[in-house]
Amino acid sequence: MLITSLLPLLSRYSLGLDLVASPDGAVTMTIMPRKAEGSSHKPEGGEVRPISITATAAEIDAELAKGEAGALGQLIAARKALGDQLAEQREAAETAKKAVPKPKPAPAKAAPPAAPRAEAPAAPPAEPAPGEPASLWD
């Protein structure tokens, strides 16, 4: 039942499984999705978050027996749906990138015209006009 429940995730990810029993009889089952070997798909952070369930062994078995209608089945279906949505978004983004025309390089502009040269100022007057100071700082 466990492997059958995990098949939707196994089609996309490599899975790690961790089982821990506590002294009070509870069992914690953690399923850790990872990138599948040889896959070009790079999972997003939300896709590879571990799924952790804590219950008694009998409760976990009962949930697994429910298949897709059980809690684990619903979690796995939601996780698979998330992965499918992300894959569709990636594909749409790639398609949009390819559809956008690339801008053409602007033609080389001619060098801007040289600024007109200011004529060299005439030689300063040798003598200040009567009543004016000899320089600005006097």
C-alpha atoms as a PDB file:
ATOM      1  CA  MET A   1       0.000   0.000   0.000  1.00  0.00           C
ATOM      2  CA  LEU A   2       2.804   2.415   0.811  1.00  0.00           C
ATOM      3  CA  ILE A   3       4.567   2.043  -2.528  1.00  0.00           C
ATOM      4  CA  THR A   4       1.278   2.287  -4.433  1.00  0.00           C
ATOM      5  CA  SER A   5       0.499   5.516  -2.562  1.00  0.00           C
ATOM      6  CA  LEU A   6       3.922   6.921  -3.428  1.00  0.00           C
ATOM      7  CA  LEU A   7       3.851   6.070  -7.159  1.00  0.00           C
ATOM      8  CA  PRO A   8       2.645   9.553  -8.248  1.00  0.00           C
ATOM      9  CA  LEU A   9       5.671  11.106  -6.512  1.00  0.00           C
ATOM     10  CA  LEU A  10       8.056   8.384  -7.706  1.00  0.00           C
ATOM     11  CA  SER A  11       7.255   9.296 -11.303  1.00  0.00           C
ATOM     12  CA  ARG A  12       8.855  12.706 -10.749  1.00  0.00           C
ATOM     13  CA  TYR A  13      11.207  12.457  -7.752  1.00  0.00           C
ATOM     14  CA  SER A  14      13.552  10.144  -5.947  1.00  0.00           C
ATOM     15  CA  LEU A  15      12.136   9.558  -2.458  1.00  0.00           C
ATOM     16  CA  GLY A  16      13.795   9.079   0.908  1.00  0.00           C
ATOM     17  CA  LEU A  17      11.787   7.454   3.685  1.00  0.00           C
ATOM     18  CA  ASP A  18      12.437   7.774   7.413  1.00  0.00           C
ATOM     19  CA  LEU A  19      10.474   5.914  10.103  1.00  0.00           C
ATOM     20  CA  VAL A  20      10.940   6.734  13.786  1.00  0.00           C
ATOM     21  CA  ALA A  21       9.067   5.075  16.665  1.00  0.00           C
ATOM     22  CA  SER A  22       8.564   6.953  19.919  1.00  0.00           C
ATOM     23  CA  PRO A  23       8.202   5.358  23.373  1.00  0.00           C
ATOM     24  CA  ASP A  24       4.474   6.191  23.485  1.00  0.00           C
ATOM     25  CA  GLY A  25       3.736   3.994  20.444  1.00  0.00           C
ATOM     26  CA  ALA A  26       3.540   6.789  17.871  1.00  0.00           C
ATOM     27  CA  VAL A  27       5.390   6.435  14.604  1.00  0.00           C
ATOM     28  CA  THR A  28       6.666   9.370  12.574  1.00  0.00           C
ATOM     29  CA  MET A  29       6.940   8.660   8.865  1.00  0.00           C
ATOM     30  CA  THR A  30       8.813  11.268   6.840  1.00  0.00           C
ATOM     31  CA  ILE A  31       8.901  11.159   3.038  1.00  0.00           C
ATOM     32  CA  MET A  32      11.635  13.309   1.503  1.00  0.00           C
ATOM     33  CA  PRO A  33      11.303  14.050  -2.236  1.00  0.00           C
ATOM     34  CA  ARG A  34      14.603  14.716  -4.041  1.00  0.00           C
ATOM     35  CA  LYS A  35      15.661  15.389  -7.591  1.00  0.00           C
ATOM     36  CA  ALA A  36      15.534  12.128  -9.517  1.00  0.00           C
ATOM     37  CA  GLU A  37      18.855  10.878 -10.863  1.00  0.00           C
ATOM     38  CA  GLY A  38      19.360  11.813 -14.483  1.00  0.00           C
ATOM     39  CA  SER A  39      16.404  14.210 -14.477  1.00  0.00           C
ATOM     40  CA  SER A  40      16.828  17.631 -16.042  1.00  0.00           C
ATOM     41  CA  HIS A  41      13.945  18.931 -13.912  1.00  0.00           C
ATOM     42  CA  LYS A  42      15.166  21.163 -11.061  1.00  0.00           C
ATOM     43  CA  PRO A  43      12.567  20.969  -8.283  1.00  0.00           C
ATOM     44  CA  GLU A  44      11.434  24.157  -6.556  1.00  0.00           C
ATOM     45  CA  GLY A  45      11.663  24.482  -2.768  1.00  0.00           C
ATOM     46  CA  GLY A  46       7.972  23.741  -2.248  1.00  0.00           C
ATOM     47  CA  GLU A  47       8.220  20.548  -4.255  1.00  0.00           C
ATOM     48  CA  VAL A  48      10.940  18.994  -2.118  1.00  0.00           C
ATOM     49  CA  ARG A  49       9.588  19.847   1.317  1.00  0.00           C
ATOM     50  CA  PRO A  50       9.375  16.673   3.390  1.00  0.00           C
ATOM     51  CA  ILE A  51       5.975  15.154   4.119  1.00  0.00           C
ATOM     52  CA  SER A  52       5.798  14.084   7.754  1.00  0.00           C
ATOM     53  CA  ILE A  53       3.002  12.104   9.407  1.00  0.00           C
ATOM     54  CA  THR A  54       2.898  11.144  13.097  1.00  0.00           C
ATOM     55  CA  ALA A  55       0.319   8.591  14.276  1.00  0.00           C
ATOM     56  CA  THR A  56       0.135   5.064  15.604  1.00  0.00           C
ATOM     57  CA  ALA A  57       1.158   2.297  13.232  1.00  0.00           C
ATOM     58  CA  ALA A  58      -2.489   1.175  12.967  1.00  0.00           C
ATOM     59  CA  GLU A  59      -3.629   4.715  12.049  1.00  0.00           C
ATOM     60  CA  ILE A  60      -0.952   5.048   9.378  1.00  0.00           C
ATOM     61  CA  ASP A  61      -1.916   1.639   7.950  1.00  0.00           C
ATOM     62  CA  ALA A  62      -5.594   2.676   7.922  1.00  0.00           C
ATOM     63  CA  GLU A  63      -4.780   5.909   6.043  1.00  0.00           C
ATOM     64  CA  LEU A  64      -2.645   4.022   3.529  1.00  0.00           C
ATOM     65  CA  ALA A  65      -5.493   1.536   2.986  1.00  0.00           C
ATOM     66  CA  LYS A  66      -7.741   4.437   1.908  1.00  0.00           C
ATOM     67  CA  GLY A  67      -5.434   5.040  -1.062  1.00  0.00           C
ATOM     68  CA  GLU A  68      -5.964   8.367  -2.796  1.00  0.00           C
ATOM     69  CA  ALA A  69      -8.870   9.219  -0.469  1.00  0.00           C
ATOM     70  CA  GLY A  70      -6.633   9.002   2.617  1.00  0.00           C
ATOM     71  CA  ALA A  71      -4.587  11.839   4.109  1.00  0.00           C
ATOM     72  CA  LEU A  72      -1.317  10.670   2.552  1.00  0.00           C
ATOM     73  CA  GLY A  73      -2.986  10.165  -0.831  1.00  0.00           C
ATOM     74  CA  GLN A  74      -4.398  13.692  -0.732  1.00  0.00           C
ATOM     75  CA  LEU A  75      -1.038  15.164   0.281  1.00  0.00           C
ATOM     76  CA  ILE A  76       0.691  13.346  -2.547  1.00  0.00           C
ATOM     77  CA  ALA A  77      -1.979  14.407  -5.062  1.00  0.00           C
ATOM     78  CA  ALA A  78      -1.611  18.036  -3.952  1.00  0.00           C
ATOM     79  CA  ARG A  79       2.178  17.808  -4.207  1.00  0.00           C
ATOM     80  CA  LYS A  80       1.936  16.272  -7.696  1.00  0.00           C
ATOM     81  CA  ALA A  81      -0.497  19.017  -8.751  1.00  0.00           C
ATOM     82  CA  LEU A  82       1.950  21.648  -7.469  1.00  0.00           C
ATOM     83  CA  GLY A  83       4.757  20.054  -9.476  1.00  0.00           C
ATOM     84  CA  ASP A  84       2.573  19.978 -12.600  1.00  0.00           C
ATOM     85  CA  GLN A  85       1.635  23.654 -12.179  1.00  0.00           C
ATOM     86  CA  LEU A  86       5.263  24.670 -11.757  1.00  0.00           C
ATOM     87  CA  ALA A  87       6.256  22.681 -14.853  1.00  0.00           C
ATOM     88  CA  GLU A  88       3.491  24.381 -16.876  1.00  0.00           C
ATOM     89  CA  GLN A  89       4.604  27.821 -15.658  1.00  0.00           C
ATOM     90  CA  ARG A  90       8.223  27.105 -16.587  1.00  0.00           C
ATOM     91  CA  GLU A  91       7.156  25.946 -20.042  1.00  0.00           C
ATOM     92  CA  ALA A  92       4.963  29.031 -20.547  1.00  0.00           C
ATOM     93  CA  ALA A  93       7.806  31.316 -19.452  1.00  0.00           C
ATOM     94  CA  GLU A  94      10.225  29.660 -21.890  1.00  0.00           C
ATOM     95  CA  THR A  95       7.677  29.934 -24.711  1.00  0.00           C
ATOM     96  CA  ALA A  96       7.128  33.615 -23.907  1.00  0.00           C
ATOM     97  CA  LYS A  97      10.872  34.280 -23.907  1.00  0.00           C
ATOM     98  CA  LYS A  98      11.203  32.694 -27.342  1.00  0.00           C
ATOM     99  CA  ALA A  99       8.205  34.627 -28.702  1.00  0.00           C
ATOM    100  CA  VAL A 100       9.539  38.070 -27.759  1.00  0.00           C
ATOM    101  CA  PRO A 101      11.466  39.518 -30.698  1.00  0.00           C
ATOM    102  CA  LYS A 102      15.023  40.386 -29.891  1.00  0.00           C
ATOM    103  CA  PRO A 103      15.793  44.109 -30.233  1.00  0.00           C
ATOM    104  CA  LYS A 104      17.925  44.968 -33.221  1.00  0.00           C
ATOM    105  CA  PRO A 105      21.177  46.718 -32.424  1.00  0.00           C
ATOM    106  CA  ALA A 106      20.991  50.438 -33.102  1.00  0.00           C
ATOM    107  CA  PRO A 107      22.983  51.569 -36.117  1.00  0.00           C
ATOM    108  CA  ALA A 108      26.257  53.249 -35.284  1.00  0.00           C
ATOM    109  CA  LYS A 109      25.726  56.964 -34.977  1.00  0.00           C
ATOM    110  CA  ALA A 110      28.002  59.429 -36.669  1.00  0.00           C
ATOM    111  CA  ALA A 111      30.288  61.303 -34.350  1.00  0.00           C
ATOM    112  CA  PRO A 112      28.546  64.375 -32.973  1.00  0.00           C
ATOM    113  CA  PRO A 113      29.628  67.589 -34.650  1.00  0.00           C
ATOM    114  CA  ALA A 114      32.474  69.284 -32.905  1.00  0.00           C
ATOM    115  CA  ALA A 115      31.437  72.151 -30.708  1.00  0.00           C
ATOM    116  CA  PRO A 116      32.160  75.469 -32.344  1.00  0.00           C
ATOM    117  CA  ARG A 117      35.367  76.838 -31.072  1.00  0.00           C
ATOM    118  CA  ALA A 118      35.070  80.014 -29.139  1.00  0.00           C
ATOM    119  CA  GLU A 119      37.284  82.662 -30.451  1.00  0.00           C
ATOM    120  CA  ALA A 120      40.226  83.401 -28.271  1.00  0.00           C
ATOM    121  CA  PRO A 121      39.471  86.453 -26.199  1.00  0.00           C
ATOM    122  CA  ALA A 122      41.142  89.578 -27.305  1.00  0.00           C
ATOM    123  CA  ALA A 123      44.093  90.678 -25.262  1.00  0.00           C
ATOM    124  CA  PRO A 124      42.976  92.368 -22.047  1.00  0.00           C
ATOM    125  CA  PRO A 125      43.063  96.095 -22.107  1.00  0.00           C
ATOM    126  CA  ALA A 126      46.405  97.376 -21.031  1.00  0.00           C
ATOM    127  CA  GLU A 127      44.967 100.081 -18.876  1.00  0.00           C
ATOM    128  CA  PRO A 128      41.659 100.050 -17.001  1.00  0.00           C
ATOM    129  CA  ALA A 129      39.113 102.643 -17.954  1.00  0.00           C
ATOM    130  CA  PRO A 130      39.112 105.695 -15.738  1.00  0.00           C
ATOM    131  CA  GLY A 131      37.248 105.058 -12.471  1.00  0.00           C
ATOM    132  CA  GLU A 132      37.341 101.236 -12.799  1.00  0.00           C
ATOM    133  CA  PRO A 133      39.534  98.955 -10.737  1.00  0.00           C
ATOM    134  CA  ALA A 134      42.475  97.281 -12.446  1.00  0.00           C
ATOM    135  CA  SER A 135      41.047  93.769 -11.797  1.00  0.00           C
ATOM    136  CA  LEU A 136      38.021  92.071 -10.267  1.00  0.00           C
ATOM    137  CA  TRP A 137      39.879  91.513  -7.024  1.00  0.00           C
ATOM    138  CA  ASP A 138      40.908  95.074  -6.373  1.00  0.00           C
END
